């Protein structure tokens, strides 16, 4: 689905040189949107980028990546992950989130020790 915000800046296809093989059947609910499909040299296909809406939350499942494969170094994969983070974040959470990673101002254990 090239018009989906998660696919912004991504060509209609790109190659990941080495990736762990996943294939159908993939026992998940029907996605609300299928953004990416993967194809392997062996002919296998896989729904590798799926969006789900659950209540007020958004979920993006993205298949590429494994500790033995270097998919995360692919600039397109990195762009997809960044786009997905932007897509899933709430539109209005009631407070400002600074650019970059959110900062934790108190230890989680401090909240439990009150």
C-alpha atoms as a PDB file:
ATOM      1  CA  UNK A   1       0.000   0.000   0.000  1.00  0.00           C
ATOM      2  CA  UNK A   2       2.306   2.771  -1.242  1.00  0.00           C
ATOM      3  CA  UNK A   3      -0.049   5.557  -0.081  1.00  0.00           C
ATOM      4  CA  UNK A   4       0.113   4.514   3.582  1.00  0.00           C
ATOM      5  CA  UNK A   5       2.122   6.930   5.801  1.00  0.00           C
ATOM      6  CA  UNK A   6       4.408   4.077   6.889  1.00  0.00           C
ATOM      7  CA  UNK A   7       5.462   3.628   3.242  1.00  0.00           C
ATOM      8  CA  UNK A   8       6.389   7.320   2.784  1.00  0.00           C
ATOM      9  CA  UNK A   9       9.792   7.625   1.122  1.00  0.00           C
ATOM     10  CA  UNK A  10      10.020   3.886   0.371  1.00  0.00           C
ATOM     11  CA  UNK A  11      10.298   2.650  -3.230  1.00  0.00           C
ATOM     12  CA  UNK A  12       7.785   0.123  -4.590  1.00  0.00           C
ATOM     13  CA  UNK A  13      10.370  -2.595  -3.935  1.00  0.00           C
ATOM     14  CA  UNK A  14      13.806  -2.949  -2.365  1.00  0.00           C
ATOM     15  CA  UNK A  15      16.137  -5.836  -1.593  1.00  0.00           C
ATOM     16  CA  UNK A  16      17.232  -7.098   1.796  1.00  0.00           C
ATOM     17  CA  UNK A  17      20.283  -9.219   1.049  1.00  0.00           C
ATOM     18  CA  UNK A  18      19.927 -11.717   3.885  1.00  0.00           C
ATOM     19  CA  UNK A  19      16.812 -12.371   5.921  1.00  0.00           C
ATOM     20  CA  UNK A  20      15.345 -15.171   7.983  1.00  0.00           C
ATOM     21  CA  UNK A  21      12.602 -16.967   6.045  1.00  0.00           C
ATOM     22  CA  UNK A  22       9.011 -16.506   7.185  1.00  0.00           C
ATOM     23  CA  UNK A  23       6.095 -17.601   5.026  1.00  0.00           C
ATOM     24  CA  UNK A  24       2.362 -18.111   4.943  1.00  0.00           C
ATOM     25  CA  UNK A  25       0.235 -19.332   6.537  1.00  0.00           C
ATOM     26  CA  UNK A  26       0.767 -16.676   9.204  1.00  0.00           C
ATOM     27  CA  UNK A  27      -1.947 -17.122  11.801  1.00  0.00           C
ATOM     28  CA  UNK A  28      -2.853 -13.543  12.634  1.00  0.00           C
ATOM     29  CA  UNK A  29      -6.153 -11.654  12.335  1.00  0.00           C
ATOM     30  CA  UNK A  30      -6.903  -9.996   9.017  1.00  0.00           C
ATOM     31  CA  UNK A  31      -4.864  -6.751   9.028  1.00  0.00           C
ATOM     32  CA  UNK A  32      -6.705  -3.453   8.726  1.00  0.00           C
ATOM     33  CA  UNK A  33      -4.044  -2.504   6.185  1.00  0.00           C
ATOM     34  CA  UNK A  34      -1.328  -4.511   4.453  1.00  0.00           C
ATOM     35  CA  UNK A  35       1.515  -2.071   3.831  1.00  0.00           C
ATOM     36  CA  UNK A  36       4.323  -4.432   2.769  1.00  0.00           C
ATOM     37  CA  UNK A  37       4.594  -7.898   1.312  1.00  0.00           C
ATOM     38  CA  UNK A  38       7.807  -9.882   1.266  1.00  0.00           C
ATOM     39  CA  UNK A  39       8.935 -12.251  -1.457  1.00  0.00           C
ATOM     40  CA  UNK A  40      11.810 -14.715  -1.137  1.00  0.00           C
ATOM     41  CA  UNK A  41      13.965 -16.231  -3.902  1.00  0.00           C
ATOM     42  CA  UNK A  42      12.449 -19.640  -3.097  1.00  0.00           C
ATOM     43  CA  UNK A  43       9.045 -18.252  -4.123  1.00  0.00           C
ATOM     44  CA  UNK A  44       7.613 -17.877  -0.646  1.00  0.00           C
ATOM     45  CA  UNK A  45       5.610 -14.763   0.181  1.00  0.00           C
ATOM     46  CA  UNK A  46       4.790 -13.176   3.518  1.00  0.00           C
ATOM     47  CA  UNK A  47       2.655 -10.312   4.842  1.00  0.00           C
ATOM     48  CA  UNK A  48       5.636  -8.448   6.225  1.00  0.00           C
ATOM     49  CA  UNK A  49       4.061  -5.097   7.126  1.00  0.00           C
ATOM     50  CA  UNK A  50       0.600  -5.201   8.726  1.00  0.00           C
ATOM     51  CA  UNK A  51      -1.433  -2.494  10.460  1.00  0.00           C
ATOM     52  CA  UNK A  52      -4.091  -3.093  13.071  1.00  0.00           C
ATOM     53  CA  UNK A  53      -6.405  -0.689  14.873  1.00  0.00           C
ATOM     54  CA  UNK A  54      -7.485  -1.878  18.316  1.00  0.00           C
ATOM     55  CA  UNK A  55      -9.651   0.515  20.287  1.00  0.00           C
ATOM     56  CA  UNK A  56      -7.761   3.810  20.392  1.00  0.00           C
ATOM     57  CA  UNK A  57      -4.429   2.113  19.683  1.00  0.00           C
ATOM     58  CA  UNK A  58      -2.526   1.415  16.486  1.00  0.00           C
ATOM     59  CA  UNK A  59      -0.256  -1.594  15.984  1.00  0.00           C
ATOM     60  CA  UNK A  60       2.280  -2.130  13.211  1.00  0.00           C
ATOM     61  CA  UNK A  61       3.797  -5.581  12.712  1.00  0.00           C
ATOM     62  CA  UNK A  62       7.019  -5.521  10.652  1.00  0.00           C
ATOM     63  CA  UNK A  63       8.768  -8.781   9.838  1.00  0.00           C
ATOM     64  CA  UNK A  64      12.340  -7.920   8.773  1.00  0.00           C
ATOM     65  CA  UNK A  65      14.996  -8.241  11.406  1.00  0.00           C
ATOM     66  CA  UNK A  66      16.714 -10.956  13.347  1.00  0.00           C
ATOM     67  CA  UNK A  67      19.815 -10.980  15.519  1.00  0.00           C
ATOM     68  CA  UNK A  68      21.733 -12.906  12.837  1.00  0.00           C
ATOM     69  CA  UNK A  69      20.553 -10.864   9.860  1.00  0.00           C
ATOM     70  CA  UNK A  70      21.607  -7.283   9.306  1.00  0.00           C
ATOM     71  CA  UNK A  71      18.225  -5.992   8.118  1.00  0.00           C
ATOM     72  CA  UNK A  72      18.154  -3.173  10.642  1.00  0.00           C
ATOM     73  CA  UNK A  73      21.128  -1.550   8.877  1.00  0.00           C
ATOM     74  CA  UNK A  74      19.159  -1.214   5.636  1.00  0.00           C
ATOM     75  CA  UNK A  75      18.221   2.475   5.257  1.00  0.00           C
ATOM     76  CA  UNK A  76      14.736   1.577   3.977  1.00  0.00           C
ATOM     77  CA  UNK A  77      14.091  -0.651   6.985  1.00  0.00           C
ATOM     78  CA  UNK A  78      15.222   2.157   9.275  1.00  0.00           C
ATOM     79  CA  UNK A  79      12.925   4.616   7.473  1.00  0.00           C
ATOM     80  CA  UNK A  80       9.981   2.198   7.764  1.00  0.00           C
ATOM     81  CA  UNK A  81      10.557   1.837  11.514  1.00  0.00           C
ATOM     82  CA  UNK A  82      10.724   5.618  11.938  1.00  0.00           C
ATOM     83  CA  UNK A  83       7.567   6.098   9.853  1.00  0.00           C
ATOM     84  CA  UNK A  84       5.806   3.388  11.879  1.00  0.00           C
ATOM     85  CA  UNK A  85       6.679   5.047  15.183  1.00  0.00           C
ATOM     86  CA  UNK A  86       5.186   8.291  13.880  1.00  0.00           C
ATOM     87  CA  UNK A  87       2.066   6.464  12.661  1.00  0.00           C
ATOM     88  CA  UNK A  88       1.376   4.573  15.899  1.00  0.00           C
ATOM     89  CA  UNK A  89       1.947   7.457  18.293  1.00  0.00           C
ATOM     90  CA  UNK A  90      -1.243   8.898  19.749  1.00  0.00           C
ATOM     91  CA  UNK A  91      -2.552  12.083  18.144  1.00  0.00           C
ATOM     92  CA  UNK A  92      -3.304  13.682  21.506  1.00  0.00           C
ATOM     93  CA  UNK A  93      -1.909  12.250  24.717  1.00  0.00           C
ATOM     94  CA  UNK A  94      -2.425  15.336  26.853  1.00  0.00           C
ATOM     95  CA  UNK A  95       1.195  16.435  27.178  1.00  0.00           C
ATOM     96  CA  UNK A  96       4.111  17.457  24.981  1.00  0.00           C
ATOM     97  CA  UNK A  97       6.694  14.854  23.932  1.00  0.00           C
ATOM     98  CA  UNK A  98      10.101  16.404  23.166  1.00  0.00           C
ATOM     99  CA  UNK A  99      11.799  15.552  19.880  1.00  0.00           C
ATOM    100  CA  UNK A 100      13.892  12.408  20.062  1.00  0.00           C
ATOM    101  CA  UNK A 101      13.435   9.796  22.750  1.00  0.00           C
ATOM    102  CA  UNK A 102      11.145  10.624  25.654  1.00  0.00           C
ATOM    103  CA  UNK A 103      12.999  11.154  28.910  1.00  0.00           C
ATOM    104  CA  UNK A 104      12.062   9.340  32.080  1.00  0.00           C
ATOM    105  CA  UNK A 105      12.141  11.888  34.874  1.00  0.00           C
ATOM    106  CA  UNK A 106      11.495   9.509  37.772  1.00  0.00           C
ATOM    107  CA  UNK A 107      12.379   5.903  38.334  1.00  0.00           C
ATOM    108  CA  UNK A 108       9.441   3.557  37.888  1.00  0.00           C
ATOM    109  CA  UNK A 109      10.179   2.110  41.342  1.00  0.00           C
ATOM    110  CA  UNK A 110       9.743   5.581  42.906  1.00  0.00           C
ATOM    111  CA  UNK A 111       6.058   5.486  41.920  1.00  0.00           C
ATOM    112  CA  UNK A 112       5.564   2.159  43.733  1.00  0.00           C
ATOM    113  CA  UNK A 113       7.417   3.214  46.887  1.00  0.00           C
ATOM    114  CA  UNK A 114       5.128   6.133  47.723  1.00  0.00           C
END
